[in-house]
Amino acid sequence: MSGQNGDRGNYRSSLENYMRAFDKLPPAARRALADAVVGNWATQPLLTRYRRGDAAYSTGDEIASTIRRWDQRELAERERQRALAIGPYKGNAPDNPVKTSAPARRKR
């Protein structure tokens, strides 16, 4: 079935909808979102799970803990990508490096 993504909802992403969901979250979750290092976490899925009584999202402190964990994972992934990008650029290097020494002269 197209358009279905498991247990998550299909939400319209507009600033107005994000802010409406943000305002309905518990205060601890709102503080965690406001203080998050990564500033683009979607609020509607958090609110939906909170309203449904999901065990990991039943209080504002649990949601805040989840947001901090997401931040840590995202920062670790960014650091991993940054570490991979450091070093000499190998994109134009030949697969088999060409010998730089002059060829030896043949003996006659």
PDB file of N, CA and C in Angstrom:
ATOM      1  N   MET A   1       0.835  -1.179   0.000  1.00  0.00           N
ATOM      2  CA  MET A   1       0.000   0.000   0.000  1.00  0.00           C
ATOM      3  C   MET A   1       0.876   1.236   0.000  1.00  0.00           C
ATOM      4  N   SER A   2       0.621   2.128  -0.878  1.00  0.00           N
ATOM      5  CA  SER A   2       1.425   3.338  -0.926  1.00  0.00           C
ATOM      6  C   SER A   2       0.941   4.334   0.117  1.00  0.00           C
ATOM      7  N   GLY A   3       1.859   5.128   0.619  1.00  0.00           N
ATOM      8  CA  GLY A   3       1.516   6.169   1.561  1.00  0.00           C
ATOM      9  C   GLY A   3       1.425   5.715   3.004  1.00  0.00           C
ATOM     10  N   GLN A   4       1.730   4.479   3.282  1.00  0.00           N
ATOM     11  CA  GLN A   4       1.667   4.003   4.657  1.00  0.00           C
ATOM     12  C   GLN A   4       3.077   3.752   5.156  1.00  0.00           C
ATOM     13  N   ASN A   5       3.341   4.184   6.364  1.00  0.00           N
ATOM     14  CA  ASN A   5       4.684   4.032   6.909  1.00  0.00           C
ATOM     15  C   ASN A   5       4.634   3.443   8.314  1.00  0.00           C
ATOM     16  N   GLY A   6       4.014   2.314   8.450  1.00  0.00           N
ATOM     17  CA  GLY A   6       4.012   1.618   9.728  1.00  0.00           C
ATOM     18  C   GLY A   6       3.120   2.281  10.746  1.00  0.00           C
ATOM     19  N   ASP A   7       3.650   2.500  11.952  1.00  0.00           N
ATOM     20  CA  ASP A   7       2.828   3.034  13.033  1.00  0.00           C
ATOM     21  C   ASP A   7       2.835   4.551  13.085  1.00  0.00           C
ATOM     22  N   ARG A   8       3.534   5.193  12.188  1.00  0.00           N
ATOM     23  CA  ARG A   8       3.573   6.651  12.183  1.00  0.00           C
ATOM     24  C   ARG A   8       2.437   7.195  11.333  1.00  0.00           C
ATOM     25  N   GLY A   9       2.068   8.431  11.588  1.00  0.00           N
ATOM     26  CA  GLY A   9       1.002   9.056  10.821  1.00  0.00           C
ATOM     27  C   GLY A   9       1.532   9.771   9.601  1.00  0.00           C
ATOM     28  N   ASN A  10       0.621  10.209   8.793  1.00  0.00           N
ATOM     29  CA  ASN A  10       0.975  10.992   7.629  1.00  0.00           C
ATOM     30  C   ASN A  10       0.531  12.423   7.931  1.00  0.00           C
ATOM     31  N   TYR A  11       1.464  13.307   8.231  1.00  0.00           N
ATOM     32  CA  TYR A  11       1.143  14.635   8.726  1.00  0.00           C
ATOM     33  C   TYR A  11       1.454  15.696   7.692  1.00  0.00           C
ATOM     34  N   ARG A  12       0.630  16.708   7.681  1.00  0.00           N
ATOM     35  CA  ARG A  12       0.931  17.877   6.851  1.00  0.00           C
ATOM     36  C   ARG A  12       2.011  18.676   7.546  1.00  0.00           C
ATOM     37  N   SER A  13       3.034  19.012   6.828  1.00  0.00           N
ATOM     38  CA  SER A  13       4.147  19.725   7.454  1.00  0.00           C
ATOM     39  C   SER A  13       4.083  21.212   7.095  1.00  0.00           C
ATOM     40  N   SER A  14       3.539  21.965   8.009  1.00  0.00           N
ATOM     41  CA  SER A  14       3.546  23.416   7.872  1.00  0.00           C
ATOM     42  C   SER A  14       3.956  23.989   9.223  1.00  0.00           C
ATOM     43  N   LEU A  15       4.474  25.156   9.211  1.00  0.00           N
ATOM     44  CA  LEU A  15       4.921  25.793  10.448  1.00  0.00           C
ATOM     45  C   LEU A  15       3.759  25.937  11.430  1.00  0.00           C
ATOM     46  N   GLU A  16       2.592  26.246  10.912  1.00  0.00           N
ATOM     47  CA  GLU A  16       1.417  26.395  11.771  1.00  0.00           C
ATOM     48  C   GLU A  16       1.073  25.070  12.465  1.00  0.00           C
ATOM     49  N   ASN A  17       1.121  23.970  11.722  1.00  0.00           N
ATOM     50  CA  ASN A  17       0.826  22.658  12.322  1.00  0.00           C
ATOM     51  C   ASN A  17       1.893  22.251  13.322  1.00  0.00           C
ATOM     52  N   TYR A  18       3.154  22.537  13.018  1.00  0.00           N
ATOM     53  CA  TYR A  18       4.230  22.226  13.968  1.00  0.00           C
ATOM     54  C   TYR A  18       4.031  22.973  15.282  1.00  0.00           C
ATOM     55  N   MET A  19       3.711  24.252  15.178  1.00  0.00           N
ATOM     56  CA  MET A  19       3.557  25.060  16.378  1.00  0.00           C
ATOM     57  C   MET A  19       2.311  24.658  17.176  1.00  0.00           C
ATOM     58  N   ARG A  20       1.240  24.289  16.468  1.00  0.00           N
ATOM     59  CA  ARG A  20       0.036  23.833  17.157  1.00  0.00           C
ATOM     60  C   ARG A  20       0.341  22.567  17.961  1.00  0.00           C
ATOM     61  N   ALA A  21       1.070  21.631  17.362  1.00  0.00           N
ATOM     62  CA  ALA A  21       1.443  20.399  18.070  1.00  0.00           C
ATOM     63  C   ALA A  21       2.405  20.716  19.213  1.00  0.00           C
ATOM     64  N   PHE A  22       3.342  21.630  18.974  1.00  0.00           N
ATOM     65  CA  PHE A  22       4.304  22.028  20.007  1.00  0.00           C
ATOM     66  C   PHE A  22       3.567  22.567  21.240  1.00  0.00           C
ATOM     67  N   ASP A  23       2.556  23.399  21.012  1.00  0.00           N
ATOM     68  CA  ASP A  23       1.810  24.005  22.122  1.00  0.00           C
ATOM     69  C   ASP A  23       1.033  22.983  22.941  1.00  0.00           C
ATOM     70  N   LYS A  24       0.708  21.845  22.351  1.00  0.00           N
ATOM     71  CA  LYS A  24      -0.071  20.820  23.051  1.00  0.00           C
ATOM     72  C   LYS A  24       0.796  19.815  23.800  1.00  0.00           C
ATOM     73  N   LEU A  25       2.106  19.855  23.591  1.00  0.00           N
ATOM     74  CA  LEU A  25       3.008  18.943  24.299  1.00  0.00           C
ATOM     75  C   LEU A  25       3.176  19.376  25.757  1.00  0.00           C
ATOM     76  N   PRO A  26       3.563  18.446  26.631  1.00  0.00           N
ATOM     77  CA  PRO A  26       3.830  18.817  28.031  1.00  0.00           C
ATOM     78  C   PRO A  26       5.001  19.807  28.118  1.00  0.00           C
ATOM     79  N   PRO A  27       5.054  20.605  29.188  1.00  0.00           N
ATOM     80  CA  PRO A  27       6.109  21.623  29.312  1.00  0.00           C
ATOM     81  C   PRO A  27       7.534  21.076  29.233  1.00  0.00           C
ATOM     82  N   ALA A  28       7.796  19.933  29.830  1.00  0.00           N
ATOM     83  CA  ALA A  28       9.156  19.375  29.786  1.00  0.00           C
ATOM     84  C   ALA A  28       9.555  19.024  28.354  1.00  0.00           C
ATOM     85  N   ALA A  29       8.614  18.514  27.581  1.00  0.00           N
ATOM     86  CA  ALA A  29       8.900  18.178  26.185  1.00  0.00           C
ATOM     87  C   ALA A  29       9.137  19.450  25.375  1.00  0.00           C
ATOM     88  N   ARG A  30       8.353  20.491  25.645  1.00  0.00           N
ATOM     89  CA  ARG A  30       8.551  21.761  24.926  1.00  0.00           C
ATOM     90  C   ARG A  30       9.916  22.362  25.241  1.00  0.00           C
ATOM     91  N   ARG A  31      10.321  22.290  26.516  1.00  0.00           N
ATOM     92  CA  ARG A  31      11.655  22.803  26.886  1.00  0.00           C
ATOM     93  C   ARG A  31      12.748  22.009  26.169  1.00  0.00           C
ATOM     94  N   ALA A  32      12.584  20.684  26.115  1.00  0.00           N
ATOM     95  CA  ALA A  32      13.597  19.843  25.456  1.00  0.00           C
ATOM     96  C   ALA A  32      13.688  20.167  23.969  1.00  0.00           C
ATOM     97  N   LEU A  33      12.547  20.380  23.332  1.00  0.00           N
ATOM     98  CA  LEU A  33      12.567  20.749  21.909  1.00  0.00           C
ATOM     99  C   LEU A  33      13.198  22.120  21.707  1.00  0.00           C
ATOM    100  N   ALA A  34      12.903  23.054  22.591  1.00  0.00           N
ATOM    101  CA  ALA A  34      13.467  24.399  22.472  1.00  0.00           C
ATOM    102  C   ALA A  34      14.969  24.395  22.702  1.00  0.00           C
ATOM    103  N   ASP A  35      15.452  23.518  23.587  1.00  0.00           N
ATOM    104  CA  ASP A  35      16.876  23.453  23.911  1.00  0.00           C
ATOM    105  C   ASP A  35      17.641  22.452  23.054  1.00  0.00           C
ATOM    106  N   ALA A  36      16.959  21.757  22.151  1.00  0.00           N
ATOM    107  CA  ALA A  36      17.613  20.714  21.350  1.00  0.00           C
ATOM    108  C   ALA A  36      18.700  21.315  20.471  1.00  0.00           C
ATOM    109  N   VAL A  37      19.791  20.594  20.351  1.00  0.00           N
ATOM    110  CA  VAL A  37      20.898  21.029  19.494  1.00  0.00           C
ATOM    111  C   VAL A  37      20.458  20.969  18.038  1.00  0.00           C
ATOM    112  N   VAL A  38      19.795  19.890  17.682  1.00  0.00           N
ATOM    113  CA  VAL A  38      19.247  19.742  16.335  1.00  0.00           C
ATOM    114  C   VAL A  38      17.873  20.391  16.363  1.00  0.00           C
ATOM    115  N   GLY A  39      17.678  21.400  15.559  1.00  0.00           N
ATOM    116  CA  GLY A  39      16.479  22.208  15.678  1.00  0.00           C
ATOM    117  C   GLY A  39      15.335  21.848  14.773  1.00  0.00           C
ATOM    118  N   ASN A  40      15.317  20.680  14.193  1.00  0.00           N
ATOM    119  CA  ASN A  40      14.244  20.394  13.238  1.00  0.00           C
ATOM    120  C   ASN A  40      13.487  19.103  13.559  1.00  0.00           C
ATOM    121  N   TRP A  41      13.286  18.799  14.824  1.00  0.00           N
ATOM    122  CA  TRP A  41      12.511  17.609  15.175  1.00  0.00           C
ATOM    123  C   TRP A  41      11.039  17.881  14.927  1.00  0.00           C
ATOM    124  N   ALA A  42      10.357  16.920  14.313  1.00  0.00           N
ATOM    125  CA  ALA A  42       8.927  17.054  14.044  1.00  0.00           C
ATOM    126  C   ALA A  42       8.147  16.855  15.341  1.00  0.00           C
ATOM    127  N   THR A  43       7.206  17.736  15.603  1.00  0.00           N
ATOM    128  CA  THR A  43       6.468  17.690  16.863  1.00  0.00           C
ATOM    129  C   THR A  43       5.212  16.837  16.790  1.00  0.00           C
ATOM    130  N   GLN A  44       4.591  16.738  15.629  1.00  0.00           N
ATOM    131  CA  GLN A  44       3.326  16.023  15.532  1.00  0.00           C
ATOM    132  C   GLN A  44       3.448  14.533  15.871  1.00  0.00           C
ATOM    133  N   PRO A  45       4.458  13.819  15.400  1.00  0.00           N
ATOM    134  CA  PRO A  45       4.576  12.412  15.806  1.00  0.00           C
ATOM    135  C   PRO A  45       4.758  12.245  17.318  1.00  0.00           C
ATOM    136  N   LEU A  46       5.458  13.173  17.951  1.00  0.00           N
ATOM    137  CA  LEU A  46       5.609  13.120  19.408  1.00  0.00           C
ATOM    138  C   LEU A  46       4.270  13.304  20.097  1.00  0.00           C
ATOM    139  N   LEU A  47       3.503  14.273  19.632  1.00  0.00           N
ATOM    140  CA  LEU A  47       2.197  14.532  20.219  1.00  0.00           C
ATOM    141  C   LEU A  47       1.262  13.336  20.017  1.00  0.00           C
ATOM    142  N   THR A  48       1.283  12.751  18.849  1.00  0.00           N
ATOM    143  CA  THR A  48       0.418  11.601  18.577  1.00  0.00           C
ATOM    144  C   THR A  48       0.724  10.453  19.523  1.00  0.00           C
ATOM    145  N   ARG A  49       1.996  10.138  19.691  1.00  0.00           N
ATOM    146  CA  ARG A  49       2.362   9.045  20.599  1.00  0.00           C
ATOM    147  C   ARG A  49       2.027   9.386  22.049  1.00  0.00           C
ATOM    148  N   TYR A  50       2.187  10.631  22.432  1.00  0.00           N
ATOM    149  CA  TYR A  50       1.839  11.074  23.781  1.00  0.00           C
ATOM    150  C   TYR A  50       0.335  10.892  24.023  1.00  0.00           C
ATOM    151  N   ARG A  51      -0.475  11.302  23.056  1.00  0.00           N
ATOM    152  CA  ARG A  51      -1.922  11.180  23.199  1.00  0.00           C
ATOM    153  C   ARG A  51      -2.387   9.720  23.214  1.00  0.00           C
ATOM    154  N   ARG A  52      -1.703   8.878  22.463  1.00  0.00           N
ATOM    155  CA  ARG A  52      -2.079   7.457  22.418  1.00  0.00           C
ATOM    156  C   ARG A  52      -1.637   6.703  23.665  1.00  0.00           C
ATOM    157  N   GLY A  53      -0.801   7.326  24.479  1.00  0.00           N
ATOM    158  CA  GLY A  53      -0.351   6.677  25.710  1.00  0.00           C
ATOM    159  C   GLY A  53       0.772   5.695  25.495  1.00  0.00           C
ATOM    160  N   ASP A  54       1.569   5.898  24.448  1.00  0.00           N
ATOM    161  CA  ASP A  54       2.732   5.044  24.201  1.00  0.00           C
ATOM    162  C   ASP A  54       3.622   5.070  25.438  1.00  0.00           C
ATOM    163  N   ALA A  55       4.107   3.902  25.846  1.00  0.00           N
ATOM    164  CA  ALA A  55       4.867   3.789  27.097  1.00  0.00           C
ATOM    165  C   ALA A  55       6.094   4.701  27.134  1.00  0.00           C
ATOM    166  N   ALA A  56       6.781   4.863  26.022  1.00  0.00           N
ATOM    167  CA  ALA A  56       7.994   5.680  25.989  1.00  0.00           C
ATOM    168  C   ALA A  56       7.687   7.174  25.875  1.00  0.00           C
ATOM    169  N   TYR A  57       6.418   7.520  25.698  1.00  0.00           N
ATOM    170  CA  TYR A  57       6.032   8.918  25.502  1.00  0.00           C
ATOM    171  C   TYR A  57       4.902   9.331  26.438  1.00  0.00           C
ATOM    172  N   SER A  58       4.797   8.701  27.595  1.00  0.00           N
ATOM    173  CA  SER A  58       3.643   8.944  28.463  1.00  0.00           C
ATOM    174  C   SER A  58       3.779  10.204  29.330  1.00  0.00           C
ATOM    175  N   THR A  59       4.993  10.695  29.535  1.00  0.00           N
ATOM    176  CA  THR A  59       5.173  11.931  30.302  1.00  0.00           C
ATOM    177  C   THR A  59       6.094  12.875  29.543  1.00  0.00           C
ATOM    178  N   GLY A  60       6.074  14.121  29.953  1.00  0.00           N
ATOM    179  CA  GLY A  60       6.948  15.109  29.327  1.00  0.00           C
ATOM    180  C   GLY A  60       8.418  14.789  29.521  1.00  0.00           C
ATOM    181  N   ASP A  61       8.774  14.243  30.692  1.00  0.00           N
ATOM    182  CA  ASP A  61      10.175  13.897  30.955  1.00  0.00           C
ATOM    183  C   ASP A  61      10.647  12.755  30.058  1.00  0.00           C
ATOM    184  N   GLU A  62       9.759  11.799  29.784  1.00  0.00           N
ATOM    185  CA  GLU A  62      10.130  10.700  28.887  1.00  0.00           C
ATOM    186  C   GLU A  62      10.312  11.204  27.453  1.00  0.00           C
ATOM    187  N   ILE A  63       9.454  12.115  27.038  1.00  0.00           N
ATOM    188  CA  ILE A  63       9.607  12.701  25.704  1.00  0.00           C
ATOM    189  C   ILE A  63      10.902  13.504  25.637  1.00  0.00           C
ATOM    190  N   ALA A  64      11.207  14.253  26.693  1.00  0.00           N
ATOM    191  CA  ALA A  64      12.450  15.032  26.738  1.00  0.00           C
ATOM    192  C   ALA A  64      13.662  14.107  26.663  1.00  0.00           C
ATOM    193  N   SER A  65      13.598  12.990  27.361  1.00  0.00           N
ATOM    194  CA  SER A  65      14.686  12.010  27.319  1.00  0.00           C
ATOM    195  C   SER A  65      14.861  11.461  25.896  1.00  0.00           C
ATOM    196  N   THR A  66      13.752  11.203  25.231  1.00  0.00           N
ATOM    197  CA  THR A  66      13.800  10.713  23.850  1.00  0.00           C
ATOM    198  C   THR A  66      14.426  11.753  22.932  1.00  0.00           C
ATOM    199  N   ILE A  67      14.061  13.002  23.106  1.00  0.00           N
ATOM    200  CA  ILE A  67      14.611  14.070  22.265  1.00  0.00           C
ATOM    201  C   ILE A  67      16.109  14.207  22.504  1.00  0.00           C
ATOM    202  N   ARG A  68      16.556  14.125  23.757  1.00  0.00           N
ATOM    203  CA  ARG A  68      18.002  14.194  24.034  1.00  0.00           C
ATOM    204  C   ARG A  68      18.735  13.013  23.403  1.00  0.00           C
ATOM    205  N   ARG A  69      18.118  11.834  23.435  1.00  0.00           N
ATOM    206  CA  ARG A  69      18.734  10.653  22.816  1.00  0.00           C
ATOM    207  C   ARG A  69      18.833  10.838  21.297  1.00  0.00           C
ATOM    208  N   TRP A  70      17.763  11.383  20.683  1.00  0.00           N
ATOM    209  CA  TRP A  70      17.794  11.662  19.248  1.00  0.00           C
ATOM    210  C   TRP A  70      18.900  12.654  18.920  1.00  0.00           C
ATOM    211  N   ASP A  71      19.040  13.683  19.745  1.00  0.00           N
ATOM    212  CA  ASP A  71      20.106  14.673  19.541  1.00  0.00           C
ATOM    213  C   ASP A  71      21.477  14.004  19.566  1.00  0.00           C
ATOM    214  N   GLN A  72      21.698  13.156  20.557  1.00  0.00           N
ATOM    215  CA  GLN A  72      23.002  12.476  20.674  1.00  0.00           C
ATOM    216  C   GLN A  72      23.283  11.619  19.443  1.00  0.00           C
ATOM    217  N   ARG A  73      22.275  10.895  18.990  1.00  0.00           N
ATOM    218  CA  ARG A  73      22.461  10.050  17.799  1.00  0.00           C
ATOM    219  C   ARG A  73      22.759  10.894  16.566  1.00  0.00           C
ATOM    220  N   GLU A  74      22.012  11.967  16.392  1.00  0.00           N
ATOM    221  CA  GLU A  74      22.213  12.829  15.229  1.00  0.00           C
ATOM    222  C   GLU A  74      23.595  13.481  15.258  1.00  0.00           C
ATOM    223  N   LEU A  75      24.021  13.954  16.425  1.00  0.00           N
ATOM    224  CA  LEU A  75      25.354  14.557  16.521  1.00  0.00           C
ATOM    225  C   LEU A  75      26.448  13.526  16.280  1.00  0.00           C
ATOM    226  N   ALA A  76      26.256  12.302  16.760  1.00  0.00           N
ATOM    227  CA  ALA A  76      27.236  11.245  16.509  1.00  0.00           C
ATOM    228  C   ALA A  76      27.312  10.927  15.014  1.00  0.00           C
ATOM    229  N   GLU A  77      26.170  10.900  14.346  1.00  0.00           N
ATOM    230  CA  GLU A  77      26.159  10.640  12.906  1.00  0.00           C
ATOM    231  C   GLU A  77      26.833  11.780  12.142  1.00  0.00           C
ATOM    232  N   ARG A  78      26.576  13.012  12.547  1.00  0.00           N
ATOM    233  CA  ARG A  78      27.235  14.149  11.893  1.00  0.00           C
ATOM    234  C   ARG A  78      28.751  14.099  12.102  1.00  0.00           C
ATOM    235  N   GLU A  79      29.173  13.722  13.305  1.00  0.00           N
ATOM    236  CA  GLU A  79      30.602  13.618  13.588  1.00  0.00           C
ATOM    237  C   GLU A  79      31.238  12.510  12.746  1.00  0.00           C
ATOM    238  N   ARG A  80      30.524  11.395  12.598  1.00  0.00           N
ATOM    239  CA  ARG A  80      31.032  10.297  11.775  1.00  0.00           C
ATOM    240  C   ARG A  80      31.185  10.747  10.328  1.00  0.00           C
ATOM    241  N   GLN A  81      30.196  11.453   9.811  1.00  0.00           N
ATOM    242  CA  GLN A  81      30.273  11.950   8.438  1.00  0.00           C
ATOM    243  C   GLN A  81      31.397  12.967   8.285  1.00  0.00           C
ATOM    244  N   ARG A  82      31.587  13.824   9.295  1.00  0.00           N
ATOM    245  CA  ARG A  82      32.671  14.807   9.237  1.00  0.00           C
ATOM    246  C   ARG A  82      34.022  14.115   9.228  1.00  0.00           C
ATOM    247  N   ALA A  83      34.159  13.064  10.062  1.00  0.00           N
ATOM    248  CA  ALA A  83      35.424  12.332  10.125  1.00  0.00           C
ATOM    249  C   ALA A  83      35.731  11.649   8.791  1.00  0.00           C
ATOM    250  N   LEU A  84      34.701  11.173   8.118  1.00  0.00           N
ATOM    251  CA  LEU A  84      34.917  10.542   6.815  1.00  0.00           C
ATOM    252  C   LEU A  84      35.340  11.552   5.759  1.00  0.00           C
ATOM    253  N   ALA A  85      34.910  12.796   5.916  1.00  0.00           N
ATOM    254  CA  ALA A  85      35.197  13.811   4.910  1.00  0.00           C
ATOM    255  C   ALA A  85      36.597  14.397   5.043  1.00  0.00           C
ATOM    256  N   ILE A  86      37.238  14.207   6.188  1.00  0.00           N
ATOM    257  CA  ILE A  86      38.568  14.772   6.408  1.00  0.00           C
ATOM    258  C   ILE A  86      39.610  13.880   5.736  1.00  0.00           C
ATOM    259  N   GLY A  87      40.623  14.482   5.172  1.00  0.00           N
ATOM    260  CA  GLY A  87      41.700  13.726   4.543  1.00  0.00           C
ATOM    261  C   GLY A  87      41.857  14.152   3.095  1.00  0.00           C
ATOM    262  N   PRO A  88      42.829  13.580   2.422  1.00  0.00           N
ATOM    263  CA  PRO A  88      43.054  13.973   1.030  1.00  0.00           C
ATOM    264  C   PRO A  88      41.886  13.542   0.154  1.00  0.00           C
ATOM    265  N   TYR A  89      41.593  14.377  -0.816  1.00  0.00           N
ATOM    266  CA  TYR A  89      40.524  14.058  -1.749  1.00  0.00           C
ATOM    267  C   TYR A  89      41.011  12.970  -2.685  1.00  0.00           C
ATOM    268  N   LYS A  90      40.294  11.877  -2.751  1.00  0.00           N
ATOM    269  CA  LYS A  90      40.725  10.736  -3.560  1.00  0.00           C
ATOM    270  C   LYS A  90      39.842  10.535  -4.779  1.00  0.00           C
ATOM    271  N   GLY A  91      38.962  11.468  -5.044  1.00  0.00           N
ATOM    272  CA  GLY A  91      38.011  11.284  -6.134  1.00  0.00           C
ATOM    273  C   GLY A  91      38.645  11.207  -7.503  1.00  0.00           C
ATOM    274  N   ASN A  92      39.733  11.941  -7.752  1.00  0.00           N
ATOM    275  CA  ASN A  92      40.351  11.940  -9.074  1.00  0.00           C
ATOM    276  C   ASN A  92      41.622  11.101  -9.140  1.00  0.00           C
ATOM    277  N   ALA A  93      41.956  10.443  -8.052  1.00  0.00           N
ATOM    278  CA  ALA A  93      43.170   9.613  -8.048  1.00  0.00           C
ATOM    279  C   ALA A  93      42.921   8.355  -8.877  1.00  0.00           C
ATOM    280  N   PRO A  94      43.917   7.925  -9.670  1.00  0.00           N
ATOM    281  CA  PRO A  94      43.736   6.699 -10.452  1.00  0.00           C
ATOM    282  C   PRO A  94      43.700   5.484  -9.529  1.00  0.00           C
ATOM    283  N   ASP A  95      43.058   4.425 -10.001  1.00  0.00           N
ATOM    284  CA  ASP A  95      42.972   3.204  -9.205  1.00  0.00           C
ATOM    285  C   ASP A  95      44.356   2.607  -8.957  1.00  0.00           C
ATOM    286  N   ASN A  96      45.155   2.517  -9.996  1.00  0.00           N
ATOM    287  CA  ASN A  96      46.519   2.003  -9.876  1.00  0.00           C
ATOM    288  C   ASN A  96      47.478   3.164 -10.080  1.00  0.00           C
ATOM    289  N   PRO A  97      48.151   3.584  -9.027  1.00  0.00           N
ATOM    290  CA  PRO A  97      49.040   4.741  -9.188  1.00  0.00           C
ATOM    291  C   PRO A  97      50.147   4.468 -10.216  1.00  0.00           C
ATOM    292  N   VAL A  98      50.424   5.465 -11.017  1.00  0.00           N
ATOM    293  CA  VAL A  98      51.453   5.365 -12.047  1.00  0.00           C
ATOM    294  C   VAL A  98      52.818   5.547 -11.386  1.00  0.00           C
ATOM    295  N   LYS A  99      53.794   4.767 -11.814  1.00  0.00           N
ATOM    296  CA  LYS A  99      55.134   4.911 -11.258  1.00  0.00           C
ATOM    297  C   LYS A  99      55.705   6.259 -11.670  1.00  0.00           C
ATOM    298  N   THR A 100      56.334   6.927 -10.725  1.00  0.00           N
ATOM    299  CA  THR A 100      56.872   8.252 -11.009  1.00  0.00           C
ATOM    300  C   THR A 100      58.350   8.208 -11.384  1.00  0.00           C
ATOM    301  N   SER A 101      59.011   7.081 -11.176  1.00  0.00           N
ATOM    302  CA  SER A 101      60.435   7.013 -11.528  1.00  0.00           C
ATOM    303  C   SER A 101      60.582   6.802 -13.038  1.00  0.00           C
ATOM    304  N   ALA A 102      61.709   7.267 -13.543  1.00  0.00           N
ATOM    305  CA  ALA A 102      61.968   7.129 -14.976  1.00  0.00           C
ATOM    306  C   ALA A 102      62.220   5.666 -15.306  1.00  0.00           C
ATOM    307  N   PRO A 103      61.781   5.223 -16.462  1.00  0.00           N
ATOM    308  CA  PRO A 103      62.004   3.820 -16.826  1.00  0.00           C
ATOM    309  C   PRO A 103      63.495   3.560 -17.047  1.00  0.00           C
ATOM    310  N   ALA A 104      63.912   2.384 -16.706  1.00  0.00           N
ATOM    311  CA  ALA A 104      65.331   2.005 -16.895  1.00  0.00           C
ATOM    312  C   ALA A 104      65.613   1.806 -18.381  1.00  0.00           C
ATOM    313  N   ARG A 105      66.833   2.134 -18.799  1.00  0.00           N
ATOM    314  CA  ARG A 105      67.223   1.965 -20.205  1.00  0.00           C
ATOM    315  C   ARG A 105      67.569   0.505 -20.452  1.00  0.00           C
ATOM    316  N   ARG A 106      67.200   0.060 -21.625  1.00  0.00           N
ATOM    317  CA  ARG A 106      67.525  -1.333 -21.983  1.00  0.00           C
ATOM    318  C   ARG A 106      69.002  -1.431 -22.336  1.00  0.00           C
ATOM    319  N   LYS A 107      69.567  -2.530 -21.934  1.00  0.00           N
ATOM    320  CA  LYS A 107      70.970  -2.783 -22.289  1.00  0.00           C
ATOM    321  C   LYS A 107      70.993  -3.436 -23.663  1.00  0.00           C
ATOM    322  N   ARG A 108      71.993  -3.070 -24.499  1.00  0.00           N
ATOM    323  CA  ARG A 108      72.130  -3.648 -25.836  1.00  0.00           C
ATOM    324  C   ARG A 108      73.216  -4.629 -25.902  1.00  0.00           C
TER     325      ARG A 108
END
